[in-house]
C-alpha atoms as a PDB file:
ATOM      1  CA  MET A   1      96.495 164.757 132.544  1.00  0.00           C
ATOM      2  CA  HIS A   2      95.210 161.534 134.734  1.00  0.00           C
ATOM      3  CA  GLN A   3      93.226 164.067 136.790  1.00  0.00           C
ATOM      4  CA  SER A   4      91.288 165.105 133.039  1.00  0.00           C
ATOM      5  CA  ARG A   5      90.104 161.658 132.163  1.00  0.00           C
ATOM      6  CA  GLN A   6      89.449 160.699 135.360  1.00  0.00           C
ATOM      7  CA  ARG A   7      86.600 163.459 134.571  1.00  0.00           C
ATOM      8  CA  PHE A   8      85.506 162.994 131.589  1.00  0.00           C
ATOM      9  CA  ILE A   9      85.411 159.640 132.981  1.00  0.00           C
ATOM     10  CA  PHE A  10      82.736 161.040 135.492  1.00  0.00           C
ATOM     11  CA  TYR A  11      81.556 162.891 132.886  1.00  0.00           C
ATOM     12  CA  VAL A  12      80.389 160.072 130.085  1.00  0.00           C
ATOM     13  CA  SER A  13      79.500 157.724 133.078  1.00  0.00           C
ATOM     14  CA  GLY A  14      77.066 160.190 134.578  1.00  0.00           C
ATOM     15  CA  ILE A  15      75.275 160.105 131.285  1.00  0.00           C
ATOM     16  CA  ILE A  16      75.287 156.858 130.589  1.00  0.00           C
ATOM     17  CA  ILE A  17      74.018 156.550 133.374  1.00  0.00           C
ATOM     18  CA  MET A  18      71.515 159.874 133.934  1.00  0.00           C
ATOM     19  CA  THR A  19      69.684 158.304 130.168  1.00  0.00           C
ATOM     20  CA  PHE A  20      68.899 155.800 131.415  1.00  0.00           C
ATOM     21  CA  GLY A  21      66.468 157.117 133.905  1.00  0.00           C
ATOM     22  CA  ILE A  22      65.057 158.949 131.707  1.00  0.00           C
ATOM     23  CA  ALA A  23      64.425 156.184 129.236  1.00  0.00           C
ATOM     24  CA  LEU A  24      63.294 154.227 132.238  1.00  0.00           C
ATOM     25  CA  THR A  25      60.412 157.022 133.621  1.00  0.00           C
ATOM     26  CA  ILE A  26      59.143 157.603 129.239  1.00  0.00           C
ATOM     27  CA  ARG A  27      58.751 154.509 129.301  1.00  0.00           C
ATOM     28  CA  SER A  28      56.944 154.228 132.826  1.00  0.00           C
ATOM     29  CA  LEU A  29      53.561 156.777 130.950  1.00  0.00           C
ATOM     30  CA  MET A  30      53.117 158.089 134.118  1.00  0.00           C
ATOM     31  CA  GLY A  31      54.699 161.511 133.561  1.00  0.00           C
ATOM     32  CA  THR A  32      58.725 162.112 132.665  1.00  0.00           C
ATOM     33  CA  SER A  33      59.963 165.977 133.534  1.00  0.00           C
ATOM     34  CA  PRO A  34      59.619 169.293 132.250  1.00  0.00           C
ATOM     35  CA  PHE A  35      62.334 168.742 130.104  1.00  0.00           C
ATOM     36  CA  ASP A  36      62.467 164.569 129.279  1.00  0.00           C
ATOM     37  CA  ALA A  37      57.658 165.776 128.669  1.00  0.00           C
ATOM     38  CA  LEU A  38      58.186 167.944 126.035  1.00  0.00           C
ATOM     39  CA  LEU A  39      60.912 166.102 123.869  1.00  0.00           C
ATOM     40  CA  VAL A  40      58.866 163.682 123.902  1.00  0.00           C
ATOM     41  CA  GLY A  41      55.976 166.197 123.151  1.00  0.00           C
ATOM     42  CA  LEU A  42      57.944 167.630 119.927  1.00  0.00           C
ATOM     43  CA  PHE A  43      58.695 163.195 118.740  1.00  0.00           C
ATOM     44  CA  GLN A  44      55.387 162.261 119.181  1.00  0.00           C
ATOM     45  CA  THR A  45      54.171 166.299 117.387  1.00  0.00           C
ATOM     46  CA  PHE A  46      56.944 166.608 114.472  1.00  0.00           C
ATOM     47  CA  GLY A  47      58.423 163.301 114.592  1.00  0.00           C
ATOM     48  CA  LEU A  48      62.922 162.726 114.915  1.00  0.00           C
ATOM     49  CA  THR A  49      63.636 160.601 117.657  1.00  0.00           C
ATOM     50  CA  ILE A  50      62.789 162.077 121.645  1.00  0.00           C
ATOM     51  CA  GLY A  51      67.071 161.855 121.856  1.00  0.00           C
ATOM     52  CA  SER A  52      67.567 164.079 117.990  1.00  0.00           C
ATOM     53  CA  TRP A  53      65.436 166.910 119.699  1.00  0.00           C
ATOM     54  CA  GLU A  54      67.186 166.434 123.045  1.00  0.00           C
ATOM     55  CA  ILE A  55      70.267 167.897 120.331  1.00  0.00           C
ATOM     56  CA  VAL A  56      67.893 170.332 119.264  1.00  0.00           C
ATOM     57  CA  VAL A  57      66.579 171.513 121.943  1.00  0.00           C
ATOM     58  CA  GLY A  58      69.941 172.429 124.095  1.00  0.00           C
ATOM     59  CA  LEU A  59      71.218 174.309 121.200  1.00  0.00           C
ATOM     60  CA  ALA A  60      68.883 176.501 120.493  1.00  0.00           C
ATOM     61  CA  LEU A  61      68.968 176.574 124.618  1.00  0.00           C
ATOM     62  CA  VAL A  62      72.821 177.260 124.573  1.00  0.00           C
ATOM     63  CA  LEU A  63      71.603 179.791 121.632  1.00  0.00           C
ATOM     64  CA  PHE A  64      68.971 181.746 124.207  1.00  0.00           C
ATOM     65  CA  ASN A  65      72.107 181.528 127.019  1.00  0.00           C
ATOM     66  CA  ALA A  66      74.472 183.096 124.826  1.00  0.00           C
ATOM     67  CA  ALA A  67      72.667 185.914 123.609  1.00  0.00           C
ATOM     68  CA  ALA A  68      71.100 186.308 126.206  1.00  0.00           C
ATOM     69  CA  GLN A  69      74.586 187.629 128.370  1.00  0.00           C
ATOM     70  CA  ARG A  70      76.375 188.055 125.176  1.00  0.00           C
ATOM     71  CA  ARG A  71      78.688 185.577 125.253  1.00  0.00           C
ATOM     72  CA  LYS A  72      80.689 183.187 122.604  1.00  0.00           C
ATOM     73  CA  LEU A  73      78.998 179.388 122.709  1.00  0.00           C
ATOM     74  CA  GLU A  74      79.371 177.850 125.151  1.00  0.00           C
ATOM     75  CA  TYR A  75      80.152 174.445 122.662  1.00  0.00           C
ATOM     76  CA  PHE A  76      80.398 171.348 126.134  1.00  0.00           C
ATOM     77  CA  ALA A  77      77.276 172.332 126.409  1.00  0.00           C
ATOM     78  CA  LEU A  78      76.390 171.753 122.809  1.00  0.00           C
ATOM     79  CA  LEU A  79      78.101 168.462 123.603  1.00  0.00           C
ATOM     80  CA  THR A  80      77.042 167.346 126.936  1.00  0.00           C
ATOM     81  CA  SER A  81      73.143 168.227 124.898  1.00  0.00           C
ATOM     82  CA  LEU A  82      74.894 165.341 122.158  1.00  0.00           C
ATOM     83  CA  ILE A  83      75.799 162.943 124.498  1.00  0.00           C
ATOM     84  CA  THR A  84      72.263 163.071 126.639  1.00  0.00           C
ATOM     85  CA  GLY A  85      70.005 162.588 122.669  1.00  0.00           C
ATOM     86  CA  MET A  86      72.798 159.556 122.223  1.00  0.00           C
ATOM     87  CA  GLY A  87      72.702 157.556 125.724  1.00  0.00           C
ATOM     88  CA  ILE A  88      68.336 158.723 125.113  1.00  0.00           C
ATOM     89  CA  ASP A  89      67.428 156.875 122.743  1.00  0.00           C
ATOM     90  CA  LEU A  90      69.773 154.390 122.745  1.00  0.00           C
ATOM     91  CA  TRP A  91      68.065 153.418 125.813  1.00  0.00           C
ATOM     92  CA  LEU A  92      64.744 153.609 124.445  1.00  0.00           C
ATOM     93  CA  PHE A  93      66.209 151.040 121.689  1.00  0.00           C
ATOM     94  CA  VAL A  94      67.732 148.583 124.248  1.00  0.00           C
ATOM     95  CA  LEU A  95      64.041 148.296 126.598  1.00  0.00           C
ATOM     96  CA  GLY A  96      62.003 149.023 123.392  1.00  0.00           C
ATOM     97  CA  ASP A  97      58.429 147.464 124.595  1.00  0.00           C
ATOM     98  CA  SER A  98      60.285 144.596 127.200  1.00  0.00           C
ATOM     99  CA  ILE A  99      58.493 147.002 128.876  1.00  0.00           C
ATOM    100  CA  SER A 100      55.658 147.198 128.300  1.00  0.00           C
ATOM    101  CA  PRO A 101      52.286 146.679 128.733  1.00  0.00           C
ATOM    102  CA  LEU A 102      52.624 148.367 132.549  1.00  0.00           C
ATOM    103  CA  THR A 103      50.142 147.564 134.906  1.00  0.00           C
ATOM    104  CA  LEU A 104      49.851 149.974 137.583  1.00  0.00           C
ATOM    105  CA  PHE A 105      52.404 148.938 140.115  1.00  0.00           C
ATOM    106  CA  SER A 106      55.426 148.051 137.613  1.00  0.00           C
ATOM    107  CA  GLN A 107      54.527 151.667 136.594  1.00  0.00           C
ATOM    108  CA  ALA A 108      55.553 153.054 139.675  1.00  0.00           C
ATOM    109  CA  ALA A 109      57.980 151.092 140.067  1.00  0.00           C
ATOM    110  CA  CYS A 110      59.343 151.741 136.241  1.00  0.00           C
ATOM    111  CA  LEU A 111      59.229 155.454 137.658  1.00  0.00           C
ATOM    112  CA  ILE A 112      61.121 155.204 141.529  1.00  0.00           C
ATOM    113  CA  LEU A 113      63.656 153.093 139.965  1.00  0.00           C
ATOM    114  CA  GLY A 114      64.171 155.743 136.720  1.00  0.00           C
ATOM    115  CA  VAL A 115      63.990 158.835 139.082  1.00  0.00           C
ATOM    116  CA  GLY A 116      66.556 157.233 141.554  1.00  0.00           C
ATOM    117  CA  ILE A 117      68.694 156.324 138.828  1.00  0.00           C
ATOM    118  CA  VAL A 118      68.349 159.441 137.225  1.00  0.00           C
ATOM    119  CA  GLY A 119      70.181 160.867 140.696  1.00  0.00           C
ATOM    120  CA  LEU A 120      72.785 158.898 140.929  1.00  0.00           C
ATOM    121  CA  GLY A 121      73.752 159.654 137.850  1.00  0.00           C
ATOM    122  CA  VAL A 122      73.926 163.354 138.229  1.00  0.00           C
ATOM    123  CA  ALA A 123      75.364 162.574 141.428  1.00  0.00           C
ATOM    124  CA  VAL A 124      77.779 161.153 139.622  1.00  0.00           C
ATOM    125  CA  ASN A 125      78.100 163.897 135.982  1.00  0.00           C
ATOM    126  CA  LEU A 126      78.605 166.382 139.097  1.00  0.00           C
ATOM    127  CA  GLN A 127      82.253 164.422 140.445  1.00  0.00           C
ATOM    128  CA  ALA A 128      83.400 166.118 137.358  1.00  0.00           C
ATOM    129  CA  ASP A 129      82.429 169.801 136.642  1.00  0.00           C
ATOM    130  CA  PHE A 130      82.854 169.262 133.246  1.00  0.00           C
ATOM    131  CA  ALA A 131      80.826 170.249 130.673  1.00  0.00           C
ATOM    132  CA  PRO A 132      77.916 172.571 132.041  1.00  0.00           C
ATOM    133  CA  ASN A 133      74.004 171.277 131.545  1.00  0.00           C
ATOM    134  CA  PRO A 134      71.834 174.365 128.761  1.00  0.00           C
ATOM    135  CA  MET A 135      68.689 173.933 131.581  1.00  0.00           C
ATOM    136  CA  ASP A 136      71.395 174.517 134.085  1.00  0.00           C
ATOM    137  CA  ARG A 137      72.978 177.500 132.411  1.00  0.00           C
ATOM    138  CA  SER A 138      69.506 179.430 131.256  1.00  0.00           C
ATOM    139  CA  MET A 139      69.198 179.169 134.771  1.00  0.00           C
ATOM    140  CA  LEU A 140      72.041 180.686 136.074  1.00  0.00           C
ATOM    141  CA  VAL A 141      71.444 183.503 133.530  1.00  0.00           C
ATOM    142  CA  ILE A 142      67.963 184.351 134.725  1.00  0.00           C
ATOM    143  CA  ASN A 143      69.267 184.499 138.261  1.00  0.00           C
ATOM    144  CA  GLN A 144      72.002 187.159 136.738  1.00  0.00           C
ATOM    145  CA  LEU A 145      69.668 189.499 134.824  1.00  0.00           C
ATOM    146  CA  THR A 146      67.042 189.448 136.971  1.00  0.00           C
ATOM    147  CA  GLY A 147      68.493 189.066 140.037  1.00  0.00           C
ATOM    148  CA  LEU A 148      65.711 186.150 141.168  1.00  0.00           C
ATOM    149  CA  ASN A 149      67.151 183.268 143.437  1.00  0.00           C
ATOM    150  CA  VAL A 150      68.149 180.598 142.416  1.00  0.00           C
ATOM    151  CA  ALA A 151      65.002 178.176 143.350  1.00  0.00           C
ATOM    152  CA  ILE A 152      63.059 180.305 141.637  1.00  0.00           C
ATOM    153  CA  SER A 153      65.187 181.655 138.699  1.00  0.00           C
ATOM    154  CA  ARG A 154      64.702 177.374 138.124  1.00  0.00           C
ATOM    155  CA  ALA A 155      60.603 176.823 138.971  1.00  0.00           C
ATOM    156  CA  ILE A 156      60.123 179.619 136.258  1.00  0.00           C
ATOM    157  CA  VAL A 157      62.673 177.607 133.894  1.00  0.00           C
ATOM    158  CA  SER A 158      60.043 174.179 135.105  1.00  0.00           C
ATOM    159  CA  LEU A 159      57.210 176.548 134.335  1.00  0.00           C
ATOM    160  CA  VAL A 160      58.340 177.373 130.620  1.00  0.00           C
ATOM    161  CA  LEU A 161      58.789 173.736 130.382  1.00  0.00           C
ATOM    162  CA  VAL A 162      56.189 172.814 131.649  1.00  0.00           C
ATOM    163  CA  ILE A 163      53.515 175.266 129.020  1.00  0.00           C
ATOM    164  CA  LEU A 164      55.351 173.944 126.164  1.00  0.00           C
ATOM    165  CA  ALA A 165      55.394 170.490 127.334  1.00  0.00           C
ATOM    166  CA  PHE A 166      51.729 170.824 126.820  1.00  0.00           C
ATOM    167  CA  LEU A 167      51.170 172.578 124.266  1.00  0.00           C
ATOM    168  CA  PHE A 168      52.784 169.929 121.939  1.00  0.00           C
ATOM    169  CA  SER A 169      51.179 166.716 124.517  1.00  0.00           C
ATOM    170  CA  GLY A 170      53.945 165.768 126.701  1.00  0.00           C
ATOM    171  CA  PRO A 171      53.653 162.550 129.110  1.00  0.00           C
ATOM    172  CA  ILE A 172      52.667 165.141 132.327  1.00  0.00           C
ATOM    173  CA  GLY A 173      50.981 163.883 135.230  1.00  0.00           C
ATOM    174  CA  ILE A 174      52.109 162.755 138.275  1.00  0.00           C
ATOM    175  CA  GLY A 175      55.751 161.255 137.909  1.00  0.00           C
ATOM    176  CA  THR A 176      56.644 165.409 136.706  1.00  0.00           C
ATOM    177  CA  LEU A 177      55.551 166.280 140.572  1.00  0.00           C
ATOM    178  CA  PHE A 178      58.028 162.905 141.627  1.00  0.00           C
ATOM    179  CA  SER A 179      60.622 164.229 139.293  1.00  0.00           C
ATOM    180  CA  ALA A 180      60.373 167.520 140.159  1.00  0.00           C
ATOM    181  CA  LEU A 181      59.835 167.213 144.655  1.00  0.00           C
ATOM    182  CA  ILE A 182      62.165 164.304 144.096  1.00  0.00           C
ATOM    183  CA  THR A 183      65.536 164.189 142.007  1.00  0.00           C
ATOM    184  CA  GLY A 184      67.217 166.077 144.097  1.00  0.00           C
ATOM    185  CA  VAL A 185      66.485 164.163 147.226  1.00  0.00           C
ATOM    186  CA  PHE A 186      67.917 161.078 145.207  1.00  0.00           C
ATOM    187  CA  ILE A 187      70.996 164.193 143.562  1.00  0.00           C
ATOM    188  CA  LYS A 188      71.978 165.269 147.486  1.00  0.00           C
ATOM    189  CA  PHE A 189      72.008 160.816 149.022  1.00  0.00           C
ATOM    190  CA  PHE A 190      74.398 159.504 146.322  1.00  0.00           C
ATOM    191  CA  MET A 191      76.471 162.856 146.324  1.00  0.00           C
ATOM    192  CA  PRO A 192      78.700 161.888 149.297  1.00  0.00           C
ATOM    193  CA  TYR A 193      79.543 157.858 147.530  1.00  0.00           C
ATOM    194  CA  THR A 194      80.317 159.177 144.358  1.00  0.00           C
ATOM    195  CA  ALA A 195      82.682 162.140 145.849  1.00  0.00           C
ATOM    196  CA  ARG A 196      84.028 159.016 148.514  1.00  0.00           C
ATOM    197  CA  LEU A 197      84.737 157.197 145.103  1.00  0.00           C
ATOM    198  CA  ASN A 198      86.475 159.961 142.661  1.00  0.00           C
ATOM    199  CA  LYS A 199      88.954 160.223 146.133  1.00  0.00           C
ATOM    200  CA  GLY A 200      89.703 156.909 145.721  1.00  0.00           C
ATOM    201  CA  LYS A 201      89.547 157.160 149.435  1.00  0.00           C
ATOM    202  CA  GLY A 202      87.324 154.740 152.009  1.00  0.00           C
ATOM    203  CA  THR A 203      85.615 157.893 154.169  1.00  0.00           C
ATOM    204  CA  ASP A 204      83.647 157.796 155.692  1.00  0.00           C
ATOM    205  CA  PRO A 205      80.159 159.249 153.032  1.00  0.00           C
ATOM    206  CA  THR A 206      78.681 160.674 156.379  1.00  0.00           C
ATOM    207  CA  SER A 207      81.814 162.317 157.721  1.00  0.00           C
ATOM    208  CA  VAL A 208      82.428 163.792 153.499  1.00  0.00           C
ATOM    209  CA  GLU A 209      78.635 164.916 152.898  1.00  0.00           C
ATOM    210  CA  GLY A 210      79.817 166.609 157.073  1.00  0.00           C
ATOM    211  CA  LYS A 211      82.210 168.487 155.673  1.00  0.00           C
ATOM    212  CA  LYS A 212      80.671 169.739 151.701  1.00  0.00           C
ATOM    213  CA  HIS A 213      77.825 171.825 154.013  1.00  0.00           C
ATOM    214  CA  ALA A 214      79.966 173.116 155.921  1.00  0.00           C
END
């Protein structure tokens, strides 16, 4: 029971941290990740809120994944999209226009900080191993259906998202490339620390990382 509660805390905390980073990348006006660029583009085209589109697109991906694998809907994946969408809208509301207009330096700082915080949030969330992310599940579905490796499968998903974001005039820019290349670096950096926090032991993070890749 205690372990389940701890996993849920990591799950929710990770999403809250991650969505704060997403909100910062959106406010940087330098481009966001392909998925978030699509959400912003849909918001600008059709209205609603960015968080609402997170839920809608998440639902569409869950339906696609279930149909492609001929399996039941992953309801926990819907929960992930729901909490993520609410988190994005909450942080964008809290931030408001407090960091706009931005100079080029502050834009870059906002982008880098945002991507770093996203990486931290993902690293925390991974400790929960609680609910699948719909986009990551789509990557695995493509991997299973085509036999392509995970990296290529993820690249295909990202390419489709970039094309859709472009069609809806989403914020594709240097931040999109930066997010794609650097987010994984931040996740890898924070993983040993979040793993140590999860285990509650004072182990050296470098030794944890070493064991993880052993």
